[in-house]
């Protein structure tokens, strides 16, 4: 299994409860797809370098997880379909 890191920027205009639902969906998706979450950090609200979808701030989270090579592709598609996510990135850590 390989180790990956993902950073997600969530829209700040949504309610706290909705943001937690989005975070829980991400965690559940990784675990149900056979991944194992190694660490999870909430960085909170941060100013964006440039506007995304007319937003100047985003709520940042960083996940580190282990999985097979198919999960990151499925996770990328999941991020694209989730309406509360402004931007995301998944990178594989070097061994």
PDB file of N, CA and C in Angstrom:
ATOM      1  N   UNK A   1       0.842  -1.188   0.000  1.00  0.00           N
ATOM      2  CA  UNK A   1       0.000   0.000   0.000  1.00  0.00           C
ATOM      3  C   UNK A   1       0.882   1.245   0.000  1.00  0.00           C
ATOM      4  N   UNK A   2       0.439   2.239  -0.715  1.00  0.00           N
ATOM      5  CA  UNK A   2       1.179   3.495  -0.813  1.00  0.00           C
ATOM      6  C   UNK A   2       0.570   4.554   0.088  1.00  0.00           C
ATOM      7  N   UNK A   3       1.390   5.558   0.400  1.00  0.00           N
ATOM      8  CA  UNK A   3       0.928   6.658   1.249  1.00  0.00           C
ATOM      9  C   UNK A   3       0.657   7.881   0.380  1.00  0.00           C
ATOM     10  N   UNK A   4      -0.482   8.509   0.613  1.00  0.00           N
ATOM     11  CA  UNK A   4      -0.903   9.688  -0.133  1.00  0.00           C
ATOM     12  C   UNK A   4      -1.238  10.811   0.844  1.00  0.00           C
ATOM     13  N   UNK A   5      -1.173  12.030   0.327  1.00  0.00           N
ATOM     14  CA  UNK A   5      -1.594  13.195   1.100  1.00  0.00           C
ATOM     15  C   UNK A   5      -2.570  13.988   0.236  1.00  0.00           C
ATOM     16  N   UNK A   6      -3.627  14.453   0.857  1.00  0.00           N
ATOM     17  CA  UNK A   6      -4.647  15.208   0.146  1.00  0.00           C
ATOM     18  C   UNK A   6      -4.959  16.498   0.897  1.00  0.00           C
ATOM     19  N   UNK A   7      -4.999  17.589   0.165  1.00  0.00           N
ATOM     20  CA  UNK A   7      -5.433  18.862   0.736  1.00  0.00           C
ATOM     21  C   UNK A   7      -6.745  19.237   0.056  1.00  0.00           C
ATOM     22  N   UNK A   8      -7.702  19.647   0.874  1.00  0.00           N
ATOM     23  CA  UNK A   8      -9.028  19.999   0.373  1.00  0.00           C
ATOM     24  C   UNK A   8      -9.393  21.380   0.887  1.00  0.00           C
ATOM     25  N   UNK A   9      -9.949  22.204   0.003  1.00  0.00           N
ATOM     26  CA  UNK A   9     -10.436  23.528   0.390  1.00  0.00           C
ATOM     27  C   UNK A   9     -11.962  23.490   0.291  1.00  0.00           C
ATOM     28  N   UNK A  10     -12.606  23.706   1.428  1.00  0.00           N
ATOM     29  CA  UNK A  10     -14.065  23.670   1.512  1.00  0.00           C
ATOM     30  C   UNK A  10     -14.599  25.093   1.552  1.00  0.00           C
ATOM     31  N   UNK A  11     -15.742  25.299   0.919  1.00  0.00           N
ATOM     32  CA  UNK A  11     -16.391  26.606   0.869  1.00  0.00           C
ATOM     33  C   UNK A  11     -16.702  27.111   2.283  1.00  0.00           C
ATOM     34  N   UNK A  12     -16.355  28.361   2.567  1.00  0.00           N
ATOM     35  CA  UNK A  12     -16.603  28.936   3.897  1.00  0.00           C
ATOM     36  C   UNK A  12     -18.021  29.489   4.045  1.00  0.00           C
ATOM     37  N   UNK A  13     -18.773  29.564   2.976  1.00  0.00           N
ATOM     38  CA  UNK A  13     -20.129  30.119   3.042  1.00  0.00           C
ATOM     39  C   UNK A  13     -21.152  29.124   3.573  1.00  0.00           C
ATOM     40  N   UNK A  14     -20.768  27.860   3.761  1.00  0.00           N
ATOM     41  CA  UNK A  14     -21.709  26.872   4.267  1.00  0.00           C
ATOM     42  C   UNK A  14     -21.675  26.851   5.798  1.00  0.00           C
ATOM     43  N   UNK A  15     -22.703  26.292   6.394  1.00  0.00           N
ATOM     44  CA  UNK A  15     -22.815  26.195   7.851  1.00  0.00           C
ATOM     45  C   UNK A  15     -21.768  25.222   8.402  1.00  0.00           C
ATOM     46  N   UNK A  16     -21.462  25.366   9.699  1.00  0.00           N
ATOM     47  CA  UNK A  16     -20.505  24.477  10.375  1.00  0.00           C
ATOM     48  C   UNK A  16     -20.949  23.020  10.282  1.00  0.00           C
ATOM     49  N   UNK A  17     -22.238  22.761  10.469  1.00  0.00           N
ATOM     50  CA  UNK A  17     -22.744  21.382  10.432  1.00  0.00           C
ATOM     51  C   UNK A  17     -22.585  20.783   9.031  1.00  0.00           C
ATOM     52  N   UNK A  18     -22.819  21.599   8.025  1.00  0.00           N
ATOM     53  CA  UNK A  18     -22.658  21.125   6.640  1.00  0.00           C
ATOM     54  C   UNK A  18     -21.189  20.844   6.333  1.00  0.00           C
ATOM     55  N   UNK A  19     -20.299  21.668   6.864  1.00  0.00           N
ATOM     56  CA  UNK A  19     -18.863  21.454   6.660  1.00  0.00           C
ATOM     57  C   UNK A  19     -18.427  20.142   7.308  1.00  0.00           C
ATOM     58  N   UNK A  20     -18.925  19.867   8.520  1.00  0.00           N
ATOM     59  CA  UNK A  20     -18.587  18.615   9.196  1.00  0.00           C
ATOM     60  C   UNK A  20     -19.126  17.409   8.434  1.00  0.00           C
ATOM     61  N   UNK A  21     -20.310  17.547   7.842  1.00  0.00           N
ATOM     62  CA  UNK A  21     -20.855  16.461   7.020  1.00  0.00           C
ATOM     63  C   UNK A  21     -19.952  16.189   5.826  1.00  0.00           C
ATOM     64  N   UNK A  22     -19.443  17.245   5.202  1.00  0.00           N
ATOM     65  CA  UNK A  22     -18.548  17.091   4.054  1.00  0.00           C
ATOM     66  C   UNK A  22     -17.257  16.400   4.476  1.00  0.00           C
ATOM     67  N   UNK A  23     -16.693  16.808   5.607  1.00  0.00           N
ATOM     68  CA  UNK A  23     -15.464  16.190   6.110  1.00  0.00           C
ATOM     69  C   UNK A  23     -15.711  14.714   6.425  1.00  0.00           C
ATOM     70  N   UNK A  24     -16.836  14.407   7.059  1.00  0.00           N
ATOM     71  CA  UNK A  24     -17.154  13.013   7.378  1.00  0.00           C
ATOM     72  C   UNK A  24     -17.370  12.173   6.127  1.00  0.00           C
ATOM     73  N   UNK A  25     -17.955  12.776   5.083  1.00  0.00           N
ATOM     74  CA  UNK A  25     -18.127  12.068   3.814  1.00  0.00           C
ATOM     75  C   UNK A  25     -16.782  11.683   3.219  1.00  0.00           C
ATOM     76  N   UNK A  26     -15.822  12.608   3.290  1.00  0.00           N
ATOM     77  CA  UNK A  26     -14.489  12.340   2.758  1.00  0.00           C
ATOM     78  C   UNK A  26     -13.838  11.192   3.522  1.00  0.00           C
ATOM     79  N   UNK A  27     -13.875  11.257   4.848  1.00  0.00           N
ATOM     80  CA  UNK A  27     -13.281  10.204   5.672  1.00  0.00           C
ATOM     81  C   UNK A  27     -13.955   8.853   5.409  1.00  0.00           C
ATOM     82  N   UNK A  28     -15.290   8.846   5.363  1.00  0.00           N
ATOM     83  CA  UNK A  28     -16.025   7.603   5.113  1.00  0.00           C
ATOM     84  C   UNK A  28     -15.693   7.024   3.748  1.00  0.00           C
ATOM     85  N   UNK A  29     -15.574   7.882   2.742  1.00  0.00           N
ATOM     86  CA  UNK A  29     -15.260   7.407   1.394  1.00  0.00           C
ATOM     87  C   UNK A  29     -13.908   6.708   1.369  1.00  0.00           C
ATOM     88  N   UNK A  30     -12.920   7.310   2.020  1.00  0.00           N
ATOM     89  CA  UNK A  30     -11.579   6.708   2.051  1.00  0.00           C
ATOM     90  C   UNK A  30     -11.617   5.363   2.772  1.00  0.00           C
ATOM     91  N   UNK A  31     -12.262   5.303   3.919  1.00  0.00           N
ATOM     92  CA  UNK A  31     -12.297   4.064   4.695  1.00  0.00           C
ATOM     93  C   UNK A  31     -13.124   2.972   4.023  1.00  0.00           C
ATOM     94  N   UNK A  32     -14.247   3.326   3.414  1.00  0.00           N
ATOM     95  CA  UNK A  32     -15.081   2.334   2.737  1.00  0.00           C
ATOM     96  C   UNK A  32     -14.429   1.815   1.458  1.00  0.00           C
ATOM     97  N   UNK A  33     -13.513   2.595   0.892  1.00  0.00           N
ATOM     98  CA  UNK A  33     -12.814   2.185  -0.322  1.00  0.00           C
ATOM     99  C   UNK A  33     -11.536   1.398  -0.016  1.00  0.00           C
ATOM    100  N   UNK A  34     -11.333   1.059   1.239  1.00  0.00           N
ATOM    101  CA  UNK A  34     -10.187   0.240   1.605  1.00  0.00           C
ATOM    102  C   UNK A  34      -8.963   1.019   2.040  1.00  0.00           C
ATOM    103  N   UNK A  35      -9.084   2.325   2.194  1.00  0.00           N
ATOM    104  CA  UNK A  35      -7.966   3.145   2.636  1.00  0.00           C
ATOM    105  C   UNK A  35      -7.901   3.236   4.148  1.00  0.00           C
ATOM    106  N   UNK A  36      -6.758   3.662   4.640  1.00  0.00           N
ATOM    107  CA  UNK A  36      -6.560   3.828   6.079  1.00  0.00           C
ATOM    108  C   UNK A  36      -6.053   5.245   6.323  1.00  0.00           C
ATOM    109  N   UNK A  37      -6.789   6.029   7.101  1.00  0.00           N
ATOM    110  CA  UNK A  37      -6.398   7.405   7.389  1.00  0.00           C
ATOM    111  C   UNK A  37      -5.305   7.394   8.451  1.00  0.00           C
ATOM    112  N   UNK A  38      -4.160   7.978   8.115  1.00  0.00           N
ATOM    113  CA  UNK A  38      -3.027   8.029   9.042  1.00  0.00           C
ATOM    114  C   UNK A  38      -3.053   9.292   9.887  1.00  0.00           C
ATOM    115  N   UNK A  39      -3.417  10.418   9.279  1.00  0.00           N
ATOM    116  CA  UNK A  39      -3.508  11.674  10.026  1.00  0.00           C
ATOM    117  C   UNK A  39      -4.539  12.583   9.368  1.00  0.00           C
ATOM    118  N   UNK A  40      -5.077  13.470  10.181  1.00  0.00           N
ATOM    119  CA  UNK A  40      -6.088  14.418   9.712  1.00  0.00           C
ATOM    120  C   UNK A  40      -5.869  15.734  10.437  1.00  0.00           C
ATOM    121  N   UNK A  41      -5.740  16.815   9.672  1.00  0.00           N
ATOM    122  CA  UNK A  41      -5.539  18.140  10.258  1.00  0.00           C
ATOM    123  C   UNK A  41      -6.545  19.118   9.671  1.00  0.00           C
ATOM    124  N   UNK A  42      -7.114  19.945  10.538  1.00  0.00           N
ATOM    125  CA  UNK A  42      -7.970  21.040  10.087  1.00  0.00           C
ATOM    126  C   UNK A  42      -7.168  22.323  10.253  1.00  0.00           C
ATOM    127  N   UNK A  43      -6.864  22.971   9.157  1.00  0.00           N
ATOM    128  CA  UNK A  43      -6.102  24.222   9.203  1.00  0.00           C
ATOM    129  C   UNK A  43      -7.013  25.420   9.401  1.00  0.00           C
ATOM    130  N   UNK A  44      -8.295  25.260   9.176  1.00  0.00           N
ATOM    131  CA  UNK A  44      -9.248  26.340   9.377  1.00  0.00           C
ATOM    132  C   UNK A  44      -9.347  27.276   8.181  1.00  0.00           C
ATOM    133  N   UNK A  45      -9.946  28.440   8.420  1.00  0.00           N
ATOM    134  CA  UNK A  45     -10.138  29.427   7.358  1.00  0.00           C
ATOM    135  C   UNK A  45      -8.817  30.097   6.999  1.00  0.00           C
ATOM    136  N   UNK A  46      -8.560  30.176   5.710  1.00  0.00           N
ATOM    137  CA  UNK A  46      -7.357  30.847   5.210  1.00  0.00           C
ATOM    138  C   UNK A  46      -7.733  31.634   3.959  1.00  0.00           C
ATOM    139  N   UNK A  47      -7.001  32.693   3.754  1.00  0.00           N
ATOM    140  CA  UNK A  47      -7.200  33.511   2.558  1.00  0.00           C
ATOM    141  C   UNK A  47      -6.629  32.760   1.355  1.00  0.00           C
ATOM    142  N   UNK A  48      -7.385  32.760   0.261  1.00  0.00           N
ATOM    143  CA  UNK A  48      -6.934  32.116  -0.963  1.00  0.00           C
ATOM    144  C   UNK A  48      -5.982  33.030  -1.725  1.00  0.00           C
ATOM    145  N   UNK A  49      -5.074  32.466  -2.475  1.00  0.00           N
ATOM    146  CA  UNK A  49      -4.125  33.245  -3.265  1.00  0.00           C
ATOM    147  C   UNK A  49      -4.843  34.011  -4.381  1.00  0.00           C
ATOM    148  N   UNK A  50      -5.926  33.427  -4.875  1.00  0.00           N
ATOM    149  CA  UNK A  50      -6.738  34.064  -5.905  1.00  0.00           C
ATOM    150  C   UNK A  50      -8.173  33.575  -5.729  1.00  0.00           C
ATOM    151  N   UNK A  51      -9.158  34.335  -6.183  1.00  0.00           N
ATOM    152  CA  UNK A  51     -10.556  33.926  -5.999  1.00  0.00           C
ATOM    153  C   UNK A  51     -10.879  32.619  -6.732  1.00  0.00           C
ATOM    154  N   UNK A  52     -11.616  31.759  -6.054  1.00  0.00           N
ATOM    155  CA  UNK A  52     -12.117  30.516  -6.641  1.00  0.00           C
ATOM    156  C   UNK A  52     -13.626  30.531  -6.457  1.00  0.00           C
ATOM    157  N   UNK A  53     -14.356  30.442  -7.554  1.00  0.00           N
ATOM    158  CA  UNK A  53     -15.822  30.500  -7.519  1.00  0.00           C
ATOM    159  C   UNK A  53     -16.314  31.718  -6.741  1.00  0.00           C
ATOM    160  N   UNK A  54     -15.663  32.837  -6.963  1.00  0.00           N
ATOM    161  CA  UNK A  54     -15.990  34.124  -6.339  1.00  0.00           C
ATOM    162  C   UNK A  54     -15.823  34.107  -4.818  1.00  0.00           C
ATOM    163  N   UNK A  55     -14.975  33.237  -4.309  1.00  0.00           N
ATOM    164  CA  UNK A  55     -14.678  33.164  -2.880  1.00  0.00           C
ATOM    165  C   UNK A  55     -13.235  33.587  -2.652  1.00  0.00           C
ATOM    166  N   UNK A  56     -12.991  34.336  -1.586  1.00  0.00           N
ATOM    167  CA  UNK A  56     -11.641  34.786  -1.249  1.00  0.00           C
ATOM    168  C   UNK A  56     -11.040  34.012  -0.080  1.00  0.00           C
ATOM    169  N   UNK A  57     -11.858  33.208   0.611  1.00  0.00           N
ATOM    170  CA  UNK A  57     -11.402  32.392   1.728  1.00  0.00           C
ATOM    171  C   UNK A  57     -11.878  30.964   1.543  1.00  0.00           C
ATOM    172  N   UNK A  58     -11.145  30.041   2.153  1.00  0.00           N
ATOM    173  CA  UNK A  58     -11.523  28.635   2.131  1.00  0.00           C
ATOM    174  C   UNK A  58     -11.162  27.977   3.452  1.00  0.00           C
ATOM    175  N   UNK A  59     -11.822  26.879   3.760  1.00  0.00           N
ATOM    176  CA  UNK A  59     -11.540  26.101   4.966  1.00  0.00           C
ATOM    177  C   UNK A  59     -10.670  24.919   4.538  1.00  0.00           C
ATOM    178  N   UNK A  60      -9.431  24.896   5.034  1.00  0.00           N
ATOM    179  CA  UNK A  60      -8.452  23.906   4.600  1.00  0.00           C
ATOM    180  C   UNK A  60      -8.437  22.689   5.526  1.00  0.00           C
ATOM    181  N   UNK A  61      -8.379  21.496   4.907  1.00  0.00           N
ATOM    182  CA  UNK A  61      -8.110  20.265   5.655  1.00  0.00           C
ATOM    183  C   UNK A  61      -7.022  19.489   4.919  1.00  0.00           C
ATOM    184  N   UNK A  62      -6.218  18.751   5.684  1.00  0.00           N
ATOM    185  CA  UNK A  62      -5.143  17.936   5.121  1.00  0.00           C
ATOM    186  C   UNK A  62      -5.280  16.527   5.674  1.00  0.00           C
ATOM    187  N   UNK A  63      -5.313  15.547   4.760  1.00  0.00           N
ATOM    188  CA  UNK A  63      -5.426  14.142   5.133  1.00  0.00           C
ATOM    189  C   UNK A  63      -4.197  13.389   4.640  1.00  0.00           C
ATOM    190  N   UNK A  64      -3.704  12.484   5.436  1.00  0.00           N
ATOM    191  CA  UNK A  64      -2.668  11.559   4.995  1.00  0.00           C
ATOM    192  C   UNK A  64      -3.271  10.167   5.126  1.00  0.00           C
ATOM    193  N   UNK A  65      -3.203   9.377   4.051  1.00  0.00           N
ATOM    194  CA  UNK A  65      -3.828   8.060   4.078  1.00  0.00           C
ATOM    195  C   UNK A  65      -3.021   7.051   3.273  1.00  0.00           C
ATOM    196  N   UNK A  66      -3.272   5.769   3.541  1.00  0.00           N
ATOM    197  CA  UNK A  66      -2.659   4.684   2.797  1.00  0.00           C
ATOM    198  C   UNK A  66      -3.746   3.967   2.016  1.00  0.00           C
ATOM    199  N   UNK A  67      -3.408   3.553   0.804  1.00  0.00           N
ATOM    200  CA  UNK A  67      -4.373   2.810   0.001  1.00  0.00           C
ATOM    201  C   UNK A  67      -3.661   2.169  -1.189  1.00  0.00           C
ATOM    202  N   UNK A  68      -4.441   1.407  -1.952  1.00  0.00           N
ATOM    203  CA  UNK A  68      -3.909   0.892  -3.206  1.00  0.00           C
ATOM    204  C   UNK A  68      -3.945   2.013  -4.243  1.00  0.00           C
ATOM    205  N   UNK A  69      -3.490   1.735  -5.427  1.00  0.00           N
ATOM    206  CA  UNK A  69      -3.345   2.804  -6.430  1.00  0.00           C
ATOM    207  C   UNK A  69      -4.661   3.238  -7.065  1.00  0.00           C
ATOM    208  N   UNK A  70      -5.761   2.536  -6.831  1.00  0.00           N
ATOM    209  CA  UNK A  70      -7.043   2.894  -7.455  1.00  0.00           C
ATOM    210  C   UNK A  70      -7.819   3.946  -6.664  1.00  0.00           C
ATOM    211  N   UNK A  71      -7.634   3.980  -5.355  1.00  0.00           N
ATOM    212  CA  UNK A  71      -8.401   4.904  -4.519  1.00  0.00           C
ATOM    213  C   UNK A  71      -8.179   6.380  -4.856  1.00  0.00           C
ATOM    214  N   UNK A  72      -6.955   6.846  -5.097  1.00  0.00           N
ATOM    215  CA  UNK A  72      -6.793   8.273  -5.408  1.00  0.00           C
ATOM    216  C   UNK A  72      -7.586   8.737  -6.636  1.00  0.00           C
ATOM    217  N   UNK A  73      -7.715   7.882  -7.643  1.00  0.00           N
ATOM    218  CA  UNK A  73      -8.506   8.249  -8.817  1.00  0.00           C
ATOM    219  C   UNK A  73      -9.986   8.354  -8.475  1.00  0.00           C
ATOM    220  N   UNK A  74     -10.477   7.412  -7.678  1.00  0.00           N
ATOM    221  CA  UNK A  74     -11.876   7.459  -7.253  1.00  0.00           C
ATOM    222  C   UNK A  74     -12.118   8.653  -6.333  1.00  0.00           C
ATOM    223  N   UNK A  75     -11.145   8.948  -5.477  1.00  0.00           N
ATOM    224  CA  UNK A  75     -11.270  10.082  -4.564  1.00  0.00           C
ATOM    225  C   UNK A  75     -11.289  11.407  -5.333  1.00  0.00           C
ATOM    226  N   UNK A  76     -10.469  11.509  -6.365  1.00  0.00           N
ATOM    227  CA  UNK A  76     -10.459  12.706  -7.200  1.00  0.00           C
ATOM    228  C   UNK A  76     -11.842  12.948  -7.817  1.00  0.00           C
ATOM    229  N   UNK A  77     -12.456  11.874  -8.319  1.00  0.00           N
ATOM    230  CA  UNK A  77     -13.796  12.001  -8.889  1.00  0.00           C
ATOM    231  C   UNK A  77     -14.821  12.379  -7.824  1.00  0.00           C
ATOM    232  N   UNK A  78     -14.675  11.830  -6.622  1.00  0.00           N
ATOM    233  CA  UNK A  78     -15.562  12.168  -5.505  1.00  0.00           C
ATOM    234  C   UNK A  78     -15.460  13.656  -5.183  1.00  0.00           C
ATOM    235  N   UNK A  79     -14.231  14.174  -5.129  1.00  0.00           N
ATOM    236  CA  UNK A  79     -14.021  15.599  -4.852  1.00  0.00           C
ATOM    237  C   UNK A  79     -14.696  16.470  -5.914  1.00  0.00           C
ATOM    238  N   UNK A  80     -14.588  16.075  -7.151  1.00  0.00           N
ATOM    239  CA  UNK A  80     -15.186  16.870  -8.243  1.00  0.00           C
ATOM    240  C   UNK A  80     -16.703  16.931  -8.143  1.00  0.00           C
ATOM    241  N   UNK A  81     -17.322  15.866  -7.661  1.00  0.00           N
ATOM    242  CA  UNK A  81     -18.781  15.817  -7.576  1.00  0.00           C
ATOM    243  C   UNK A  81     -19.333  16.482  -6.322  1.00  0.00           C
ATOM    244  N   UNK A  82     -18.503  16.662  -5.315  1.00  0.00           N
ATOM    245  CA  UNK A  82     -18.944  17.272  -4.052  1.00  0.00           C
ATOM    246  C   UNK A  82     -19.029  18.790  -4.233  1.00  0.00           C
ATOM    247  N   UNK A  83     -20.201  19.351  -4.091  1.00  0.00           N
ATOM    248  CA  UNK A  83     -20.421  20.770  -4.394  1.00  0.00           C
ATOM    249  C   UNK A  83     -19.795  21.732  -3.393  1.00  0.00           C
ATOM    250  N   UNK A  84     -19.533  21.283  -2.163  1.00  0.00           N
ATOM    251  CA  UNK A  84     -18.965  22.166  -1.139  1.00  0.00           C
ATOM    252  C   UNK A  84     -17.445  22.282  -1.221  1.00  0.00           C
ATOM    253  N   UNK A  85     -16.812  21.495  -2.081  1.00  0.00           N
ATOM    254  CA  UNK A  85     -15.360  21.521  -2.211  1.00  0.00           C
ATOM    255  C   UNK A  85     -14.973  22.471  -3.335  1.00  0.00           C
ATOM    256  N   UNK A  86     -14.159  23.477  -2.980  1.00  0.00           N
ATOM    257  CA  UNK A  86     -13.705  24.453  -3.981  1.00  0.00           C
ATOM    258  C   UNK A  86     -12.525  23.918  -4.788  1.00  0.00           C
ATOM    259  N   UNK A  87     -11.557  23.301  -4.106  1.00  0.00           N
ATOM    260  CA  UNK A  87     -10.340  22.830  -4.766  1.00  0.00           C
ATOM    261  C   UNK A  87      -9.764  21.681  -3.963  1.00  0.00           C
ATOM    262  N   UNK A  88      -9.057  20.785  -4.630  1.00  0.00           N
ATOM    263  CA  UNK A  88      -8.418  19.667  -3.930  1.00  0.00           C
ATOM    264  C   UNK A  88      -7.191  19.207  -4.701  1.00  0.00           C
ATOM    265  N   UNK A  89      -6.317  18.519  -4.000  1.00  0.00           N
ATOM    266  CA  UNK A  89      -5.141  17.925  -4.622  1.00  0.00           C
ATOM    267  C   UNK A  89      -4.784  16.662  -3.860  1.00  0.00           C
ATOM    268  N   UNK A  90      -4.328  15.655  -4.597  1.00  0.00           N
ATOM    269  CA  UNK A  90      -3.873  14.393  -4.002  1.00  0.00           C
ATOM    270  C   UNK A  90      -2.475  14.130  -4.542  1.00  0.00           C
ATOM    271  N   UNK A  91      -1.520  13.904  -3.646  1.00  0.00           N
ATOM    272  CA  UNK A  91      -0.156  13.592  -4.074  1.00  0.00           C
ATOM    273  C   UNK A  91       0.322  12.322  -3.375  1.00  0.00           C
ATOM    274  N   UNK A  92       1.153  11.566  -4.089  1.00  0.00           N
ATOM    275  CA  UNK A  92       1.747  10.363  -3.507  1.00  0.00           C
ATOM    276  C   UNK A  92       3.060  10.753  -2.847  1.00  0.00           C
ATOM    277  N   UNK A  93       3.249  10.279  -1.636  1.00  0.00           N
ATOM    278  CA  UNK A  93       4.504  10.583  -0.932  1.00  0.00           C
ATOM    279  C   UNK A  93       5.602   9.650  -1.426  1.00  0.00           C
ATOM    280  N   UNK A  94       6.808  10.173  -1.505  1.00  0.00           N
ATOM    281  CA  UNK A  94       7.943   9.363  -1.910  1.00  0.00           C
ATOM    282  C   UNK A  94       8.304   8.374  -0.814  1.00  0.00           C
ATOM    283  N   UNK A  95       8.845   7.266  -1.252  1.00  0.00           N
ATOM    284  CA  UNK A  95       9.212   6.222  -0.283  1.00  0.00           C
ATOM    285  C   UNK A  95      10.671   6.291   0.060  1.00  0.00           C
TER     286      UNK A  95
END
